[in-house]
Structure formats: C-alpha cells, structure tokens
Amino acid sequence: GEPGILFTLEETPAQIRAVAKTFGWNLVPLEAQGRLLISYTSPVELVTDRFLDEALKQLTKVGARRVVFDSLTGMSLGVVSQRRFRELVYALSQHFRTAGVTPLMTMEVAELLGNAQLTGHGVSSIVDNLIVLRYVEVEGHLERAVFVLKARGTSHVAELRRFLIDDRGAHVGARFQDLRGVLTGIPQPAPAAGRPVARRSSGTKSRG
C-alpha cells in the first residue's frame, strides 16, 4: 500500500507492464492512482546532474516510500567515470535516507559461476545492506543461492540458502546442508561427521 517508483534503465514502461502481466499483476490501475511511477531513462542518454534532479522531483511528486533502481549496472554505462558513478550512487542514497525512503538497487556480477567480485564499482561501502543472489551447480542442474553479505548496524544470519522462483512468487528456502564450497558455484558433498576422507595423490594410494 505504499507509493513507489521504479527507475528502469534497461526496460521501457511498456516492457515492464508486459512482464508484470505474466505474473498476474496489472500495473495500470496503480499508475492511474498515483501509487506507482515507472520512470525510464536510456543509459546512453543519461546526464547525471539532470537525472538526480529529476529523480528527486519525482520522489516529491509521488510521495514515494519505496524506490527501485534497475539497475546500477545500466546506470554505470551512462556515467563518464567510475568516480562520478560512485558519487551519483552516494548522492541518491543520501537524499533517500534523508527523505525516509527505502531504495532497492540491483547490480549484476560478471561471473555466472565461480568467484565473483561482489563490490561492483566500489558501491558496497555506500549501501546499508548487501544481498547476493547467484547460481550454483548442484548435481548437474542450476540452483539459486541467496545470502546476506552485509547488514549495517545489525547482526544478520550468514547462512547460504536456496532461493526459489515459481508460479507463487519468490521464496527463501532451506540452507545448503551437506554441501561445501557453495560460493565456488560448483559445491561438493561435505564429508559425514566422523568419517575419514580418502585422498589420492600422485603415485600414492590411500586406504579408507
């Protein structure tokens, strides 16, 4: 029931509405009631000062309490330098915090599987919370893992959990038990407690 804004730099409002319909959501009435604003800016046409000024005007107009940026990756394409990009993210975060608005910003990591650089243009130090969603290979198929990497000023659960998306929405599932090395993207079965692990080295045989 809170008014919000979706700042999109990758999909047009028409595309967003079409995707929403596949989930059974009709966004048009929310837009007509002024409870939702979909604001599209092409990253190749983005001017940082103008974008910041327009975003703050739209924030006031809608009275938004929640804001989504999709995505910082697209926004970075329209900024001349990494330093200027970081300054823009910082300015947006500060303005939203002052206004009592909760922003959600998405950013892609480069690697599909394996080790990934999570900081992304150095913005991890700016945000209050950092949630990572990634793919892992389990027994020959892909699963999603989600974990809280950072939560400023509060303790948080550090477990890696399954993240499921189905026709009922998105769900945080159970922990990845009995597996180790999940963050590598290709986890291995964890040895049972008290059971020795057989190891092989070149020219040497191990007996279990």
C-alpha atoms as a PDB file:
ATOM      1  CA  GLY A   1       0.000   0.000   0.000  1.00  0.00           C
ATOM      2  CA  GLU A   2       2.990   2.356  -0.034  1.00  0.00           C
ATOM      3  CA  PRO A   3       3.569   4.586  -3.089  1.00  0.00           C
ATOM      4  CA  GLY A   4       6.707   3.768  -5.021  1.00  0.00           C
ATOM      5  CA  ILE A   5       8.839   4.488  -8.069  1.00  0.00           C
ATOM      6  CA  LEU A   6      10.597   2.055 -10.369  1.00  0.00           C
ATOM      7  CA  PHE A   7      13.568   3.716 -12.069  1.00  0.00           C
ATOM      8  CA  THR A   8      14.384   1.479 -15.002  1.00  0.00           C
ATOM      9  CA  LEU A   9      17.372   1.865 -17.293  1.00  0.00           C
ATOM     10  CA  GLU A  10      17.012  -1.435 -19.109  1.00  0.00           C
ATOM     11  CA  GLU A  11      13.315  -1.960 -19.910  1.00  0.00           C
ATOM     12  CA  THR A  12      10.704   0.548 -21.058  1.00  0.00           C
ATOM     13  CA  PRO A  13       7.451   1.033 -19.100  1.00  0.00           C
ATOM     14  CA  ALA A  14       5.594  -0.970 -21.761  1.00  0.00           C
ATOM     15  CA  GLN A  15       8.015  -3.871 -21.314  1.00  0.00           C
ATOM     16  CA  ILE A  16       7.683  -3.684 -17.527  1.00  0.00           C
ATOM     17  CA  ARG A  17       3.883  -3.791 -17.757  1.00  0.00           C
ATOM     18  CA  ALA A  18       4.042  -6.783 -20.126  1.00  0.00           C
ATOM     19  CA  VAL A  19       6.365  -8.701 -17.797  1.00  0.00           C
ATOM     20  CA  ALA A  20       4.136  -7.889 -14.812  1.00  0.00           C
ATOM     21  CA  LYS A  21       1.128  -9.351 -16.628  1.00  0.00           C
ATOM     22  CA  THR A  22       2.902 -12.706 -16.901  1.00  0.00           C
ATOM     23  CA  PHE A  23       2.843 -12.782 -13.078  1.00  0.00           C
ATOM     24  CA  GLY A  24      -0.814 -11.761 -12.983  1.00  0.00           C
ATOM     25  CA  TRP A  25      -0.104  -8.159 -11.953  1.00  0.00           C
ATOM     26  CA  ASN A  26      -1.927  -5.262 -13.600  1.00  0.00           C
ATOM     27  CA  LEU A  27       0.153  -2.143 -13.009  1.00  0.00           C
ATOM     28  CA  VAL A  28      -2.071   0.275 -14.928  1.00  0.00           C
ATOM     29  CA  PRO A  29      -4.557   0.925 -12.067  1.00  0.00           C
ATOM     30  CA  LEU A  30      -1.679   1.582  -9.656  1.00  0.00           C
ATOM     31  CA  GLU A  31      -0.192   4.082 -12.100  1.00  0.00           C
ATOM     32  CA  ALA A  32      -3.575   5.755 -12.593  1.00  0.00           C
ATOM     33  CA  GLN A  33      -3.992   6.107  -8.815  1.00  0.00           C
ATOM     34  CA  GLY A  34      -0.557   7.695  -8.487  1.00  0.00           C
ATOM     35  CA  ARG A  35       0.684   4.831  -6.315  1.00  0.00           C
ATOM     36  CA  LEU A  36       3.287   3.665  -8.826  1.00  0.00           C
ATOM     37  CA  LEU A  37       5.514   5.579 -11.226  1.00  0.00           C
ATOM     38  CA  ILE A  38       7.646   3.789 -13.808  1.00  0.00           C
ATOM     39  CA  SER A  39      10.416   6.162 -14.844  1.00  0.00           C
ATOM     40  CA  TYR A  40      12.554   5.078 -17.814  1.00  0.00           C
ATOM     41  CA  THR A  41      15.881   6.635 -18.782  1.00  0.00           C
ATOM     42  CA  SER A  42      18.101   5.299 -21.549  1.00  0.00           C
ATOM     43  CA  PRO A  43      21.611   4.770 -20.109  1.00  0.00           C
ATOM     44  CA  VAL A  44      23.183   6.174 -23.276  1.00  0.00           C
ATOM     45  CA  GLU A  45      21.237   9.429 -22.797  1.00  0.00           C
ATOM     46  CA  LEU A  46      21.796   9.720 -19.042  1.00  0.00           C
ATOM     47  CA  VAL A  47      23.124  13.063 -17.728  1.00  0.00           C
ATOM     48  CA  THR A  48      23.999  12.602 -14.064  1.00  0.00           C
ATOM     49  CA  ASP A  49      23.001  16.018 -12.667  1.00  0.00           C
ATOM     50  CA  ARG A  50      19.763  16.073 -14.649  1.00  0.00           C
ATOM     51  CA  PHE A  51      18.959  12.505 -13.647  1.00  0.00           C
ATOM     52  CA  LEU A  52      19.488  13.261  -9.945  1.00  0.00           C
ATOM     53  CA  ASP A  53      17.379  16.431 -10.123  1.00  0.00           C
ATOM     54  CA  GLU A  54      14.543  14.689 -11.963  1.00  0.00           C
ATOM     55  CA  ALA A  55      14.619  11.719  -9.585  1.00  0.00           C
ATOM     56  CA  LEU A  56      14.218  13.998  -6.566  1.00  0.00           C
ATOM     57  CA  LYS A  57      11.331  15.863  -8.226  1.00  0.00           C
ATOM     58  CA  GLN A  58       9.542  12.592  -8.977  1.00  0.00           C
ATOM     59  CA  LEU A  59      10.161  11.437  -5.416  1.00  0.00           C
ATOM     60  CA  THR A  60       8.388  14.514  -4.062  1.00  0.00           C
ATOM     61  CA  LYS A  61       5.570  14.341  -6.598  1.00  0.00           C
ATOM     62  CA  VAL A  62       4.677  10.731  -5.851  1.00  0.00           C
ATOM     63  CA  GLY A  63       5.471  10.859  -2.138  1.00  0.00           C
ATOM     64  CA  ALA A  64       7.282   7.573  -2.621  1.00  0.00           C
ATOM     65  CA  ARG A  65       8.284   5.432   0.352  1.00  0.00           C
ATOM     66  CA  ARG A  66       9.919   2.706  -1.721  1.00  0.00           C
ATOM     67  CA  VAL A  67      12.187   3.143  -4.734  1.00  0.00           C
ATOM     68  CA  VAL A  68      13.758   0.544  -7.016  1.00  0.00           C
ATOM     69  CA  PHE A  69      16.709   1.153  -9.360  1.00  0.00           C
ATOM     70  CA  ASP A  70      17.082  -1.454 -12.068  1.00  0.00           C
ATOM     71  CA  SER A  71      19.907  -1.392 -12.493  1.00  0.00           C
ATOM     72  CA  LEU A  72      23.107   0.265 -11.296  1.00  0.00           C
ATOM     73  CA  THR A  73      24.851  -1.771 -13.972  1.00  0.00           C
ATOM     74  CA  GLY A  74      22.852   0.027 -16.661  1.00  0.00           C
ATOM     75  CA  MET A  75      23.369   3.369 -14.940  1.00  0.00           C
ATOM     76  CA  SER A  76      27.138   2.910 -14.987  1.00  0.00           C
ATOM     77  CA  LEU A  77      27.061   2.783 -18.798  1.00  0.00           C
ATOM     78  CA  GLY A  78      25.915   6.400 -18.920  1.00  0.00           C
ATOM     79  CA  VAL A  79      28.476   7.811 -16.470  1.00  0.00           C
ATOM     80  CA  VAL A  80      31.830   9.086 -17.712  1.00  0.00           C
ATOM     81  CA  SER A  81      33.960   7.686 -14.885  1.00  0.00           C
ATOM     82  CA  GLN A  82      33.775   5.201 -12.030  1.00  0.00           C
ATOM     83  CA  ARG A  83      34.362   8.023  -9.557  1.00  0.00           C
ATOM     84  CA  ARG A  84      31.396  10.025 -10.924  1.00  0.00           C
ATOM     85  CA  PHE A  85      29.230   6.903 -10.859  1.00  0.00           C
ATOM     86  CA  ARG A  86      30.076   6.297  -7.213  1.00  0.00           C
ATOM     87  CA  GLU A  87      29.310   9.940  -6.392  1.00  0.00           C
ATOM     88  CA  LEU A  88      25.893   9.614  -8.052  1.00  0.00           C
ATOM     89  CA  VAL A  89      25.029   6.470  -6.100  1.00  0.00           C
ATOM     90  CA  TYR A  90      26.170   8.156  -2.882  1.00  0.00           C
ATOM     91  CA  ALA A  91      24.099  11.286  -3.594  1.00  0.00           C
ATOM     92  CA  LEU A  92      20.992   9.223  -4.350  1.00  0.00           C
ATOM     93  CA  SER A  93      21.447   7.146  -1.192  1.00  0.00           C
ATOM     94  CA  GLN A  94      21.870  10.226   0.995  1.00  0.00           C
ATOM     95  CA  HIS A  95      18.829  12.010  -0.442  1.00  0.00           C
ATOM     96  CA  PHE A  96      16.657   8.925   0.008  1.00  0.00           C
ATOM     97  CA  ARG A  97      17.850   8.377   3.559  1.00  0.00           C
ATOM     98  CA  THR A  98      17.056  11.992   4.435  1.00  0.00           C
ATOM     99  CA  ALA A  99      13.572  11.655   2.920  1.00  0.00           C
ATOM    100  CA  GLY A 100      12.892   8.416   4.790  1.00  0.00           C
ATOM    101  CA  VAL A 101      12.691   6.431   1.562  1.00  0.00           C
ATOM    102  CA  THR A 102      13.858   2.824   1.260  1.00  0.00           C
ATOM    103  CA  PRO A 103      15.758   2.248  -2.006  1.00  0.00           C
ATOM    104  CA  LEU A 104      16.456  -1.139  -3.570  1.00  0.00           C
ATOM    105  CA  MET A 105      19.261  -1.103  -6.128  1.00  0.00           C
ATOM    106  CA  THR A 106      20.245  -4.040  -8.313  1.00  0.00           C
ATOM    107  CA  MET A 107      23.668  -4.703  -9.829  1.00  0.00           C
ATOM    108  CA  GLU A 108      24.913  -7.625 -11.880  1.00  0.00           C
ATOM    109  CA  VAL A 109      28.105  -9.508 -11.094  1.00  0.00           C
ATOM    110  CA  ALA A 110      30.261 -10.537 -14.008  1.00  0.00           C
ATOM    111  CA  GLU A 111      30.632 -14.267 -13.318  1.00  0.00           C
ATOM    112  CA  LEU A 112      27.826 -16.781 -13.763  1.00  0.00           C
ATOM    113  CA  LEU A 113      29.627 -19.419 -11.697  1.00  0.00           C
ATOM    114  CA  GLY A 114      32.832 -19.343  -9.683  1.00  0.00           C
ATOM    115  CA  ASN A 115      34.427 -16.492  -7.797  1.00  0.00           C
ATOM    116  CA  ALA A 116      32.759 -13.112  -8.332  1.00  0.00           C
ATOM    117  CA  GLN A 117      33.740  -9.555  -7.448  1.00  0.00           C
ATOM    118  CA  LEU A 118      30.911  -8.504  -5.172  1.00  0.00           C
ATOM    119  CA  THR A 119      31.800  -4.871  -4.583  1.00  0.00           C
ATOM    120  CA  GLY A 120      30.777  -3.674  -8.046  1.00  0.00           C
ATOM    121  CA  HIS A 121      32.251  -0.242  -8.863  1.00  0.00           C
ATOM    122  CA  GLY A 122      33.036   0.314  -5.180  1.00  0.00           C
ATOM    123  CA  VAL A 123      29.423   0.959  -4.135  1.00  0.00           C
ATOM    124  CA  SER A 124      29.277  -1.770  -1.456  1.00  0.00           C
ATOM    125  CA  SER A 125      30.714   0.654   1.099  1.00  0.00           C
ATOM    126  CA  ILE A 126      27.866   3.113   0.398  1.00  0.00           C
ATOM    127  CA  VAL A 127      24.868   0.848   0.863  1.00  0.00           C
ATOM    128  CA  ASP A 128      23.496  -0.262   4.225  1.00  0.00           C
ATOM    129  CA  ASN A 129      22.655  -3.825   3.224  1.00  0.00           C
ATOM    130  CA  LEU A 130      24.083  -6.115   0.581  1.00  0.00           C
ATOM    131  CA  ILE A 131      22.193  -9.226  -0.531  1.00  0.00           C
ATOM    132  CA  VAL A 132      23.811 -11.551  -3.068  1.00  0.00           C
ATOM    133  CA  LEU A 133      21.878 -13.802  -5.434  1.00  0.00           C
ATOM    134  CA  ARG A 134      23.898 -16.235  -7.535  1.00  0.00           C
ATOM    135  CA  TYR A 135      23.721 -19.504  -9.435  1.00  0.00           C
ATOM    136  CA  VAL A 136      25.278 -22.739  -8.200  1.00  0.00           C
ATOM    137  CA  GLU A 137      25.518 -26.115  -9.908  1.00  0.00           C
ATOM    138  CA  VAL A 138      24.105 -28.964  -7.823  1.00  0.00           C
ATOM    139  CA  GLU A 139      24.133 -32.498  -9.215  1.00  0.00           C
ATOM    140  CA  GLY A 140      24.109 -31.364 -12.819  1.00  0.00           C
ATOM    141  CA  HIS A 141      21.471 -28.622 -12.619  1.00  0.00           C
ATOM    142  CA  LEU A 142      21.431 -24.953 -11.691  1.00  0.00           C
ATOM    143  CA  GLU A 143      20.011 -23.656  -8.436  1.00  0.00           C
ATOM    144  CA  ARG A 144      19.910 -20.167  -6.980  1.00  0.00           C
ATOM    145  CA  ALA A 145      21.617 -19.290  -3.710  1.00  0.00           C
ATOM    146  CA  VAL A 146      20.963 -16.161  -1.665  1.00  0.00           C
ATOM    147  CA  PHE A 147      22.798 -14.755   1.344  1.00  0.00           C
ATOM    148  CA  VAL A 148      23.197 -11.509   3.268  1.00  0.00           C
ATOM    149  CA  LEU A 149      26.755 -10.299   2.824  1.00  0.00           C
ATOM    150  CA  LYS A 150      26.332  -7.103   4.809  1.00  0.00           C
ATOM    151  CA  ALA A 151      23.762  -5.514   7.131  1.00  0.00           C
ATOM    152  CA  ARG A 152      24.988  -2.245   8.606  1.00  0.00           C
ATOM    153  CA  GLY A 153      24.375  -1.719  12.317  1.00  0.00           C
ATOM    154  CA  THR A 154      22.681  -5.048  12.992  1.00  0.00           C
ATOM    155  CA  SER A 155      23.530  -8.711  13.329  1.00  0.00           C
ATOM    156  CA  HIS A 156      22.350 -10.945  10.495  1.00  0.00           C
ATOM    157  CA  VAL A 157      22.177 -14.582   9.527  1.00  0.00           C
ATOM    158  CA  ALA A 158      25.229 -15.611   7.487  1.00  0.00           C
ATOM    159  CA  GLU A 159      23.765 -18.817   6.054  1.00  0.00           C
ATOM    160  CA  LEU A 160      23.582 -19.592   2.349  1.00  0.00           C
ATOM    161  CA  ARG A 161      20.018 -20.542   1.483  1.00  0.00           C
ATOM    162  CA  ARG A 162      18.255 -21.744  -1.608  1.00  0.00           C
ATOM    163  CA  PHE A 163      16.263 -19.110  -3.499  1.00  0.00           C
ATOM    164  CA  LEU A 164      13.247 -20.411  -5.383  1.00  0.00           C
ATOM    165  CA  ILE A 165      11.073 -18.715  -8.020  1.00  0.00           C
ATOM    166  CA  ASP A 166       7.835 -20.402  -9.028  1.00  0.00           C
ATOM    167  CA  ASP A 167       4.298 -19.522 -10.042  1.00  0.00           C
ATOM    168  CA  ARG A 168       3.584 -18.369  -6.471  1.00  0.00           C
ATOM    169  CA  GLY A 169       6.471 -15.907  -6.386  1.00  0.00           C
ATOM    170  CA  ALA A 170       9.926 -15.855  -4.825  1.00  0.00           C
ATOM    171  CA  HIS A 171      10.829 -17.818  -1.696  1.00  0.00           C
ATOM    172  CA  VAL A 172      13.875 -18.167   0.545  1.00  0.00           C
ATOM    173  CA  GLY A 173      14.326 -21.891   1.099  1.00  0.00           C
ATOM    174  CA  ALA A 174      16.413 -24.179   3.265  1.00  0.00           C
ATOM    175  CA  ARG A 175      20.134 -23.989   3.936  1.00  0.00           C
ATOM    176  CA  PHE A 176      22.612 -25.764   1.674  1.00  0.00           C
ATOM    177  CA  GLN A 177      23.267 -28.588   4.105  1.00  0.00           C
ATOM    178  CA  ASP A 178      25.637 -31.456   3.304  1.00  0.00           C
ATOM    179  CA  LEU A 179      27.484 -29.281   0.776  1.00  0.00           C
ATOM    180  CA  ARG A 180      30.666 -27.279   0.993  1.00  0.00           C
ATOM    181  CA  GLY A 181      32.173 -24.734  -1.391  1.00  0.00           C
ATOM    182  CA  VAL A 182      28.766 -23.371  -2.463  1.00  0.00           C
ATOM    183  CA  LEU A 183      30.276 -19.959  -3.259  1.00  0.00           C
ATOM    184  CA  THR A 184      32.590 -21.530  -5.832  1.00  0.00           C
ATOM    185  CA  GLY A 185      29.469 -22.211  -7.895  1.00  0.00           C
ATOM    186  CA  ILE A 186      30.235 -25.938  -8.001  1.00  0.00           C
ATOM    187  CA  PRO A 187      29.767 -27.231  -4.431  1.00  0.00           C
ATOM    188  CA  GLN A 188      30.925 -30.671  -3.320  1.00  0.00           C
ATOM    189  CA  PRO A 189      29.302 -33.082  -0.846  1.00  0.00           C
ATOM    190  CA  ALA A 190      30.520 -32.442   2.675  1.00  0.00           C
ATOM    191  CA  PRO A 191      32.040 -35.473   4.449  1.00  0.00           C
ATOM    192  CA  ALA A 192      29.861 -37.035   7.105  1.00  0.00           C
ATOM    193  CA  ALA A 193      30.877 -36.245  10.674  1.00  0.00           C
ATOM    194  CA  GLY A 194      33.458 -38.686  11.969  1.00  0.00           C
ATOM    195  CA  ARG A 195      34.059 -40.271   8.566  1.00  0.00           C
ATOM    196  CA  PRO A 196      37.620 -40.033   7.193  1.00  0.00           C
ATOM    197  CA  VAL A 197      38.009 -38.717   3.661  1.00  0.00           C
ATOM    198  CA  ALA A 198      40.005 -40.846   1.250  1.00  0.00           C
ATOM    199  CA  ARG A 199      42.613 -38.812  -0.573  1.00  0.00           C
ATOM    200  CA  ARG A 200      44.738 -39.658  -3.571  1.00  0.00           C
ATOM    201  CA  SER A 201      47.990 -38.107  -4.589  1.00  0.00           C
ATOM    202  CA  SER A 202      50.310 -38.819  -7.486  1.00  0.00           C
ATOM    203  CA  GLY A 203      51.834 -42.288  -7.154  1.00  0.00           C
ATOM    204  CA  THR A 204      50.285 -42.939  -3.742  1.00  0.00           C
ATOM    205  CA  LYS A 205      47.226 -45.000  -2.829  1.00  0.00           C
ATOM    206  CA  SER A 206      45.111 -44.280   0.216  1.00  0.00           C
ATOM    207  CA  ARG A 207      43.239 -46.913   2.124  1.00  0.00           C
ATOM    208  CA  GLY A 208      39.851 -45.967   3.582  1.00  0.00           C
END
